[in-house]
C-alpha cells in the first residue's frame, strides 16, 4: 500500500477538493484508490461529509471515516463537547491499514498539521506510518508564513513533504498571488506541484475527473500516484 497524507496550512484552503483531484488522477492512471478521513466535524449523522464529496467528484467509493462530530470545531474539542471518546492513534492506524489492498490510500487531515484529530495530530500519524505529507496552501497574503511554518514542522519531525499544491487559484490572481506562486517553493524548499482552479469543486464530475490530471506536475504524479510506484 502506498500512502499519501493531505494537510493544509489552515482550514478552508481546499484539502478536500485537492484530495478528490488526486484520487481522480490516480484512478485515471489505473490505480485502485481508497480515501480515509479519520475525523469529520460539522456534519450531522446521515448527512454527506467530505468523503461523499470526494466520491461524487472522483468516483472513488472505497472510503473510511472513523469519527464524526456535529459541531464545526477541532475534532478533539468537538468530541469532548458531545461526550464522545477521543479518536486514538491505534484505531486510526488500523482504519488506514484496512485499505492495504488498494494501490494508493489518501488520508485527509482536519484543518492544519497540528490540529488534534483525537489524542493525536496528523503529524503524529504520519510519523507512526512513515508517510509523506502533501501540503495544500492558499494563494493569497499570509500563505508564505503558514506554508513555511508547516514545512518546517514536517522537516523537524523527519517527515517528507511530498509537495505543495495551491488549493484555489483565482481566475484573475492579484499581485500577491502571482508573487506567492514564485516565492512558495523558494521559502519552503518544497516543489509547487499543482494548483487547482477556484471553484473546481462545483464542477460536474465528468469535467472534474477529465481535467484533474492536468492540475498536477506529470512527473510528480507518475512518481506518487501511478500504481507501478
C-alpha atoms as a PDB file:
ATOM      1  CA  UNK A   1       0.000   0.000   0.000  1.00  0.00           C
ATOM      2  CA  UNK A   2       1.212   3.450  -0.970  1.00  0.00           C
ATOM      3  CA  UNK A   3       0.200   6.217   1.439  1.00  0.00           C
ATOM      4  CA  UNK A   4      -0.142   9.949   0.912  1.00  0.00           C
ATOM      5  CA  UNK A   5      -1.389  12.288   3.631  1.00  0.00           C
ATOM      6  CA  UNK A   6      -3.020  15.605   2.755  1.00  0.00           C
ATOM      7  CA  UNK A   7      -2.869  18.526   5.166  1.00  0.00           C
ATOM      8  CA  UNK A   8      -3.453  22.251   4.818  1.00  0.00           C
ATOM      9  CA  UNK A   9      -1.888  25.446   6.027  1.00  0.00           C
ATOM     10  CA  UNK A  10      -5.244  26.076   7.726  1.00  0.00           C
ATOM     11  CA  UNK A  11      -8.893  25.202   7.317  1.00  0.00           C
ATOM     12  CA  UNK A  12     -10.793  26.060   4.112  1.00  0.00           C
ATOM     13  CA  UNK A  13      -7.762  26.016   1.825  1.00  0.00           C
ATOM     14  CA  UNK A  14      -9.103  23.253  -0.438  1.00  0.00           C
ATOM     15  CA  UNK A  15      -7.869  19.976   1.087  1.00  0.00           C
ATOM     16  CA  UNK A  16     -10.990  18.011   0.196  1.00  0.00           C
ATOM     17  CA  UNK A  17     -11.086  19.132  -3.426  1.00  0.00           C
ATOM     18  CA  UNK A  18      -7.344  18.504  -3.792  1.00  0.00           C
ATOM     19  CA  UNK A  19      -7.850  15.034  -2.311  1.00  0.00           C
ATOM     20  CA  UNK A  20     -10.622  14.399  -4.834  1.00  0.00           C
ATOM     21  CA  UNK A  21      -8.377  15.604  -7.662  1.00  0.00           C
ATOM     22  CA  UNK A  22      -5.540  13.342  -6.518  1.00  0.00           C
ATOM     23  CA  UNK A  23      -7.947  10.404  -6.349  1.00  0.00           C
ATOM     24  CA  UNK A  24      -9.279  11.127  -9.838  1.00  0.00           C
ATOM     25  CA  UNK A  25      -5.748  11.466 -11.218  1.00  0.00           C
ATOM     26  CA  UNK A  26      -4.633   8.187  -9.674  1.00  0.00           C
ATOM     27  CA  UNK A  27      -7.737   6.385 -10.975  1.00  0.00           C
ATOM     28  CA  UNK A  28      -7.096   7.764 -14.458  1.00  0.00           C
ATOM     29  CA  UNK A  29      -3.625   6.187 -14.276  1.00  0.00           C
ATOM     30  CA  UNK A  30      -5.156   2.810 -13.434  1.00  0.00           C
ATOM     31  CA  UNK A  31      -4.568   2.784  -9.672  1.00  0.00           C
ATOM     32  CA  UNK A  32      -7.068   1.474  -7.156  1.00  0.00           C
ATOM     33  CA  UNK A  33      -7.689   4.210  -4.603  1.00  0.00           C
ATOM     34  CA  UNK A  34      -9.033   4.397  -1.065  1.00  0.00           C
ATOM     35  CA  UNK A  35      -9.605   7.597   0.891  1.00  0.00           C
ATOM     36  CA  UNK A  36      -9.611   7.906   4.672  1.00  0.00           C
ATOM     37  CA  UNK A  37     -10.922  10.916   6.589  1.00  0.00           C
ATOM     38  CA  UNK A  38     -10.245   9.944  10.208  1.00  0.00           C
ATOM     39  CA  UNK A  39     -12.353  12.677  11.800  1.00  0.00           C
ATOM     40  CA  UNK A  40     -15.199  14.659  10.252  1.00  0.00           C
ATOM     41  CA  UNK A  41     -16.668  17.649  12.080  1.00  0.00           C
ATOM     42  CA  UNK A  42     -19.568  19.986  11.436  1.00  0.00           C
ATOM     43  CA  UNK A  43     -21.712  17.272   9.858  1.00  0.00           C
ATOM     44  CA  UNK A  44     -24.666  15.529  11.468  1.00  0.00           C
ATOM     45  CA  UNK A  45     -25.214  11.751  11.321  1.00  0.00           C
ATOM     46  CA  UNK A  46     -26.530  10.731   7.920  1.00  0.00           C
ATOM     47  CA  UNK A  47     -25.505  13.963   6.195  1.00  0.00           C
ATOM     48  CA  UNK A  48     -22.957  13.862   3.368  1.00  0.00           C
ATOM     49  CA  UNK A  49     -19.481  14.899   4.521  1.00  0.00           C
ATOM     50  CA  UNK A  50     -16.123  15.386   2.833  1.00  0.00           C
ATOM     51  CA  UNK A  51     -15.877  11.756   1.765  1.00  0.00           C
ATOM     52  CA  UNK A  52     -19.205  11.985  -0.054  1.00  0.00           C
ATOM     53  CA  UNK A  53     -17.879  14.995  -1.952  1.00  0.00           C
ATOM     54  CA  UNK A  54     -14.690  13.128  -2.844  1.00  0.00           C
ATOM     55  CA  UNK A  55     -16.755  10.184  -4.090  1.00  0.00           C
ATOM     56  CA  UNK A  56     -19.015  12.470  -6.137  1.00  0.00           C
ATOM     57  CA  UNK A  57     -16.125  14.239  -7.835  1.00  0.00           C
ATOM     58  CA  UNK A  58     -13.605  11.420  -8.264  1.00  0.00           C
ATOM     59  CA  UNK A  59     -15.678   8.243  -8.460  1.00  0.00           C
ATOM     60  CA  UNK A  60     -13.720   6.625  -5.618  1.00  0.00           C
ATOM     61  CA  UNK A  61     -16.094   4.553  -3.484  1.00  0.00           C
ATOM     62  CA  UNK A  62     -13.627   2.945  -1.064  1.00  0.00           C
ATOM     63  CA  UNK A  63     -13.771   5.396   1.835  1.00  0.00           C
ATOM     64  CA  UNK A  64     -13.196   5.206   5.587  1.00  0.00           C
ATOM     65  CA  UNK A  65     -14.490   7.646   8.200  1.00  0.00           C
ATOM     66  CA  UNK A  66     -13.677   6.755  11.801  1.00  0.00           C
ATOM     67  CA  UNK A  67     -15.353   9.525  13.809  1.00  0.00           C
ATOM     68  CA  UNK A  68     -17.959  12.200  13.184  1.00  0.00           C
ATOM     69  CA  UNK A  69     -18.955  15.112  15.382  1.00  0.00           C
ATOM     70  CA  UNK A  70     -21.785  17.609  14.754  1.00  0.00           C
ATOM     71  CA  UNK A  71     -20.099  20.870  15.756  1.00  0.00           C
ATOM     72  CA  UNK A  72     -17.646  22.571  13.328  1.00  0.00           C
ATOM     73  CA  UNK A  73     -14.695  22.563  15.715  1.00  0.00           C
ATOM     74  CA  UNK A  74     -11.337  20.863  16.027  1.00  0.00           C
ATOM     75  CA  UNK A  75     -12.093  17.127  16.351  1.00  0.00           C
ATOM     76  CA  UNK A  76     -10.778  16.754  19.908  1.00  0.00           C
ATOM     77  CA  UNK A  77     -12.842  19.727  21.106  1.00  0.00           C
ATOM     78  CA  UNK A  78     -15.908  18.533  19.201  1.00  0.00           C
ATOM     79  CA  UNK A  79     -15.553  15.053  20.709  1.00  0.00           C
ATOM     80  CA  UNK A  80     -15.351  16.359  24.256  1.00  0.00           C
ATOM     81  CA  UNK A  81     -18.338  18.670  23.773  1.00  0.00           C
ATOM     82  CA  UNK A  82     -20.606  15.847  22.616  1.00  0.00           C
ATOM     83  CA  UNK A  83     -19.324  13.356  25.191  1.00  0.00           C
ATOM     84  CA  UNK A  84     -17.613  11.064  22.700  1.00  0.00           C
ATOM     85  CA  UNK A  85     -14.254   9.396  23.386  1.00  0.00           C
ATOM     86  CA  UNK A  86     -11.279  10.855  21.578  1.00  0.00           C
ATOM     87  CA  UNK A  87     -10.140   9.026  18.478  1.00  0.00           C
ATOM     88  CA  UNK A  88      -6.954   7.089  19.242  1.00  0.00           C
ATOM     89  CA  UNK A  89      -3.817   6.730  17.190  1.00  0.00           C
ATOM     90  CA  UNK A  90      -4.091   2.935  17.279  1.00  0.00           C
ATOM     91  CA  UNK A  91      -7.647   2.773  15.904  1.00  0.00           C
ATOM     92  CA  UNK A  92      -6.798   5.305  13.221  1.00  0.00           C
ATOM     93  CA  UNK A  93      -3.759   3.318  12.097  1.00  0.00           C
ATOM     94  CA  UNK A  94      -5.965   0.214  11.975  1.00  0.00           C
ATOM     95  CA  UNK A  95      -8.548   2.051   9.880  1.00  0.00           C
ATOM     96  CA  UNK A  96      -5.931   3.152   7.365  1.00  0.00           C
ATOM     97  CA  UNK A  97      -4.365  -0.294   7.250  1.00  0.00           C
ATOM     98  CA  UNK A  98      -7.771  -1.797   6.434  1.00  0.00           C
ATOM     99  CA  UNK A  99      -7.247  -0.249   2.989  1.00  0.00           C
ATOM    100  CA  UNK A 100      -3.940  -2.054   2.444  1.00  0.00           C
ATOM    101  CA  UNK A 101      -5.210  -3.828  -0.679  1.00  0.00           C
ATOM    102  CA  UNK A 102      -5.617  -0.505  -2.523  1.00  0.00           C
ATOM    103  CA  UNK A 103      -2.713   0.710  -4.668  1.00  0.00           C
ATOM    104  CA  UNK A 104      -2.973   4.151  -3.064  1.00  0.00           C
ATOM    105  CA  UNK A 105      -4.574   5.325   0.163  1.00  0.00           C
ATOM    106  CA  UNK A 106      -5.110   9.051   0.589  1.00  0.00           C
ATOM    107  CA  UNK A 107      -5.557  10.319   4.155  1.00  0.00           C
ATOM    108  CA  UNK A 108      -7.115  13.761   4.579  1.00  0.00           C
ATOM    109  CA  UNK A 109      -6.489  15.557   7.847  1.00  0.00           C
ATOM    110  CA  UNK A 110      -8.624  18.119   9.656  1.00  0.00           C
ATOM    111  CA  UNK A 111      -7.578  21.759   9.452  1.00  0.00           C
ATOM    112  CA  UNK A 112      -3.812  22.158   9.679  1.00  0.00           C
ATOM    113  CA  UNK A 113      -0.971  19.801  10.504  1.00  0.00           C
ATOM    114  CA  UNK A 114      -1.113  20.208  14.300  1.00  0.00           C
ATOM    115  CA  UNK A 115      -4.891  20.199  14.755  1.00  0.00           C
ATOM    116  CA  UNK A 116      -5.745  17.346  17.112  1.00  0.00           C
ATOM    117  CA  UNK A 117      -7.874  14.736  15.395  1.00  0.00           C
ATOM    118  CA  UNK A 118      -8.285  12.981  18.759  1.00  0.00           C
ATOM    119  CA  UNK A 119      -5.417  12.007  21.015  1.00  0.00           C
ATOM    120  CA  UNK A 120      -3.001  12.821  18.188  1.00  0.00           C
ATOM    121  CA  UNK A 121      -2.246  15.135  15.258  1.00  0.00           C
ATOM    122  CA  UNK A 122      -1.761  14.335  11.592  1.00  0.00           C
ATOM    123  CA  UNK A 123       1.956  14.815  12.238  1.00  0.00           C
ATOM    124  CA  UNK A 124       1.859  12.026  14.852  1.00  0.00           C
ATOM    125  CA  UNK A 125       0.002   9.790  12.415  1.00  0.00           C
ATOM    126  CA  UNK A 126       2.474  10.466   9.598  1.00  0.00           C
ATOM    127  CA  UNK A 127       5.365   9.651  11.922  1.00  0.00           C
ATOM    128  CA  UNK A 128       3.707   6.420  13.030  1.00  0.00           C
ATOM    129  CA  UNK A 129       3.133   5.241   9.450  1.00  0.00           C
ATOM    130  CA  UNK A 130       6.242   6.873   7.941  1.00  0.00           C
ATOM    131  CA  UNK A 131       4.019   8.508   5.334  1.00  0.00           C
ATOM    132  CA  UNK A 132       4.759  11.533   3.132  1.00  0.00           C
ATOM    133  CA  UNK A 133       2.576  14.618   3.532  1.00  0.00           C
ATOM    134  CA  UNK A 134       1.265  16.850   0.748  1.00  0.00           C
ATOM    135  CA  UNK A 135       0.613  20.445   1.798  1.00  0.00           C
ATOM    136  CA  UNK A 136      -2.350  22.398   0.435  1.00  0.00           C
ATOM    137  CA  UNK A 137      -1.778  26.145   0.630  1.00  0.00           C
ATOM    138  CA  UNK A 138      -3.797  29.276  -0.023  1.00  0.00           C
ATOM    139  CA  UNK A 139      -2.844  31.609  -2.849  1.00  0.00           C
ATOM    140  CA  UNK A 140      -3.024  34.993  -1.144  1.00  0.00           C
ATOM    141  CA  UNK A 141      -1.387  37.020   1.586  1.00  0.00           C
ATOM    142  CA  UNK A 142      -0.250  35.055   4.634  1.00  0.00           C
ATOM    143  CA  UNK A 143       0.404  31.844   2.778  1.00  0.00           C
ATOM    144  CA  UNK A 144       4.207  32.172   2.816  1.00  0.00           C
ATOM    145  CA  UNK A 145       4.343  32.250   6.606  1.00  0.00           C
ATOM    146  CA  UNK A 146       1.758  29.492   7.060  1.00  0.00           C
ATOM    147  CA  UNK A 147       3.426  27.273   4.481  1.00  0.00           C
ATOM    148  CA  UNK A 148       6.939  27.715   5.846  1.00  0.00           C
ATOM    149  CA  UNK A 149       5.775  27.038   9.411  1.00  0.00           C
ATOM    150  CA  UNK A 150       4.148  23.801   8.271  1.00  0.00           C
ATOM    151  CA  UNK A 151       7.037  22.586   6.158  1.00  0.00           C
ATOM    152  CA  UNK A 152       9.490  23.374   8.963  1.00  0.00           C
ATOM    153  CA  UNK A 153       7.367  21.321  11.381  1.00  0.00           C
ATOM    154  CA  UNK A 154       7.400  18.405   8.940  1.00  0.00           C
ATOM    155  CA  UNK A 155      11.146  18.687   8.452  1.00  0.00           C
ATOM    156  CA  UNK A 156      11.788  18.836  12.204  1.00  0.00           C
ATOM    157  CA  UNK A 157       9.725  15.670  12.654  1.00  0.00           C
ATOM    158  CA  UNK A 158      11.604  13.845   9.914  1.00  0.00           C
ATOM    159  CA  UNK A 159       8.547  13.654   7.657  1.00  0.00           C
ATOM    160  CA  UNK A 160       8.930  14.042   3.901  1.00  0.00           C
ATOM    161  CA  UNK A 161       6.836  16.847   2.413  1.00  0.00           C
ATOM    162  CA  UNK A 162       5.745  15.421  -0.922  1.00  0.00           C
ATOM    163  CA  UNK A 163       4.926  18.789  -2.450  1.00  0.00           C
ATOM    164  CA  UNK A 164       2.869  21.962  -2.301  1.00  0.00           C
ATOM    165  CA  UNK A 165      -0.482  22.478  -4.015  1.00  0.00           C
ATOM    166  CA  UNK A 166      -2.386  25.747  -4.234  1.00  0.00           C
ATOM    167  CA  UNK A 167      -5.904  24.688  -3.368  1.00  0.00           C
ATOM    168  CA  UNK A 168      -7.755  27.505  -5.137  1.00  0.00           C
ATOM    169  CA  UNK A 169      -6.036  29.533  -7.834  1.00  0.00           C
ATOM    170  CA  UNK A 170      -8.126  32.620  -8.731  1.00  0.00           C
ATOM    171  CA  UNK A 171      -9.226  33.279 -12.275  1.00  0.00           C
ATOM    172  CA  UNK A 172      -7.734  36.767 -12.002  1.00  0.00           C
ATOM    173  CA  UNK A 173      -4.866  36.489  -9.498  1.00  0.00           C
ATOM    174  CA  UNK A 174      -3.691  39.637  -7.777  1.00  0.00           C
ATOM    175  CA  UNK A 175      -0.069  40.682  -7.339  1.00  0.00           C
ATOM    176  CA  UNK A 176       0.290  38.831  -4.017  1.00  0.00           C
ATOM    177  CA  UNK A 177      -0.932  35.551  -5.510  1.00  0.00           C
ATOM    178  CA  UNK A 178       1.348  35.869  -8.538  1.00  0.00           C
ATOM    179  CA  UNK A 179       4.348  36.576  -6.316  1.00  0.00           C
ATOM    180  CA  UNK A 180       3.440  33.787  -3.908  1.00  0.00           C
ATOM    181  CA  UNK A 181       3.362  31.257  -6.713  1.00  0.00           C
ATOM    182  CA  UNK A 182       7.037  32.042  -7.307  1.00  0.00           C
ATOM    183  CA  UNK A 183       8.007  32.500  -3.664  1.00  0.00           C
ATOM    184  CA  UNK A 184       6.322  29.437  -2.095  1.00  0.00           C
ATOM    185  CA  UNK A 185       8.897  26.905  -3.307  1.00  0.00           C
ATOM    186  CA  UNK A 186      11.728  29.345  -2.629  1.00  0.00           C
ATOM    187  CA  UNK A 187      10.872  29.914   1.049  1.00  0.00           C
ATOM    188  CA  UNK A 188       9.818  26.335   1.846  1.00  0.00           C
ATOM    189  CA  UNK A 189      12.319  24.371  -0.204  1.00  0.00           C
ATOM    190  CA  UNK A 190       9.399  22.246  -1.436  1.00  0.00           C
ATOM    191  CA  UNK A 191       8.286  21.996  -5.051  1.00  0.00           C
ATOM    192  CA  UNK A 192       4.957  23.529  -6.060  1.00  0.00           C
ATOM    193  CA  UNK A 193       3.483  20.557  -7.917  1.00  0.00           C
ATOM    194  CA  UNK A 194      -0.001  21.802  -8.680  1.00  0.00           C
ATOM    195  CA  UNK A 195      -2.749  24.397  -8.474  1.00  0.00           C
ATOM    196  CA  UNK A 196      -6.491  23.900  -8.691  1.00  0.00           C
ATOM    197  CA  UNK A 197      -8.709  26.488 -10.355  1.00  0.00           C
ATOM    198  CA  UNK A 198     -11.027  28.333  -7.991  1.00  0.00           C
ATOM    199  CA  UNK A 199     -14.486  26.792  -7.985  1.00  0.00           C
ATOM    200  CA  UNK A 200     -13.405  23.389  -9.293  1.00  0.00           C
ATOM    201  CA  UNK A 201     -15.349  21.693  -6.507  1.00  0.00           C
ATOM    202  CA  UNK A 202     -18.595  22.902  -8.100  1.00  0.00           C
ATOM    203  CA  UNK A 203     -17.824  21.297 -11.461  1.00  0.00           C
ATOM    204  CA  UNK A 204     -19.775  18.301 -12.666  1.00  0.00           C
ATOM    205  CA  UNK A 205     -17.918  15.009 -12.047  1.00  0.00           C
ATOM    206  CA  UNK A 206     -17.219  14.262 -15.708  1.00  0.00           C
ATOM    207  CA  UNK A 207     -15.465  17.585 -16.235  1.00  0.00           C
ATOM    208  CA  UNK A 208     -13.658  17.318 -12.902  1.00  0.00           C
ATOM    209  CA  UNK A 209     -12.250  13.817 -13.490  1.00  0.00           C
ATOM    210  CA  UNK A 210     -11.261  14.619 -17.075  1.00  0.00           C
ATOM    211  CA  UNK A 211      -9.411  17.790 -16.099  1.00  0.00           C
ATOM    212  CA  UNK A 212      -7.900  16.875 -12.714  1.00  0.00           C
ATOM    213  CA  UNK A 213      -4.730  15.206 -14.089  1.00  0.00           C
ATOM    214  CA  UNK A 214      -3.774  18.466 -15.813  1.00  0.00           C
ATOM    215  CA  UNK A 215      -3.579  20.320 -12.492  1.00  0.00           C
ATOM    216  CA  UNK A 216      -0.511  18.440 -11.250  1.00  0.00           C
ATOM    217  CA  UNK A 217       3.048  18.141 -12.487  1.00  0.00           C
ATOM    218  CA  UNK A 218       3.052  14.925 -14.578  1.00  0.00           C
ATOM    219  CA  UNK A 219       6.465  13.799 -13.351  1.00  0.00           C
ATOM    220  CA  UNK A 220       5.233  14.114  -9.773  1.00  0.00           C
ATOM    221  CA  UNK A 221       2.038  12.188 -10.451  1.00  0.00           C
ATOM    222  CA  UNK A 222       3.956   9.382 -12.169  1.00  0.00           C
ATOM    223  CA  UNK A 223       6.153   9.001  -9.098  1.00  0.00           C
ATOM    224  CA  UNK A 224       3.483   9.379  -6.413  1.00  0.00           C
ATOM    225  CA  UNK A 225       0.139   8.282  -7.858  1.00  0.00           C
ATOM    226  CA  UNK A 226       0.702   5.637 -10.520  1.00  0.00           C
ATOM    227  CA  UNK A 227       0.189   2.012  -9.451  1.00  0.00           C
ATOM    228  CA  UNK A 228       3.674   0.920 -10.520  1.00  0.00           C
ATOM    229  CA  UNK A 229       5.119   3.325  -7.947  1.00  0.00           C
END
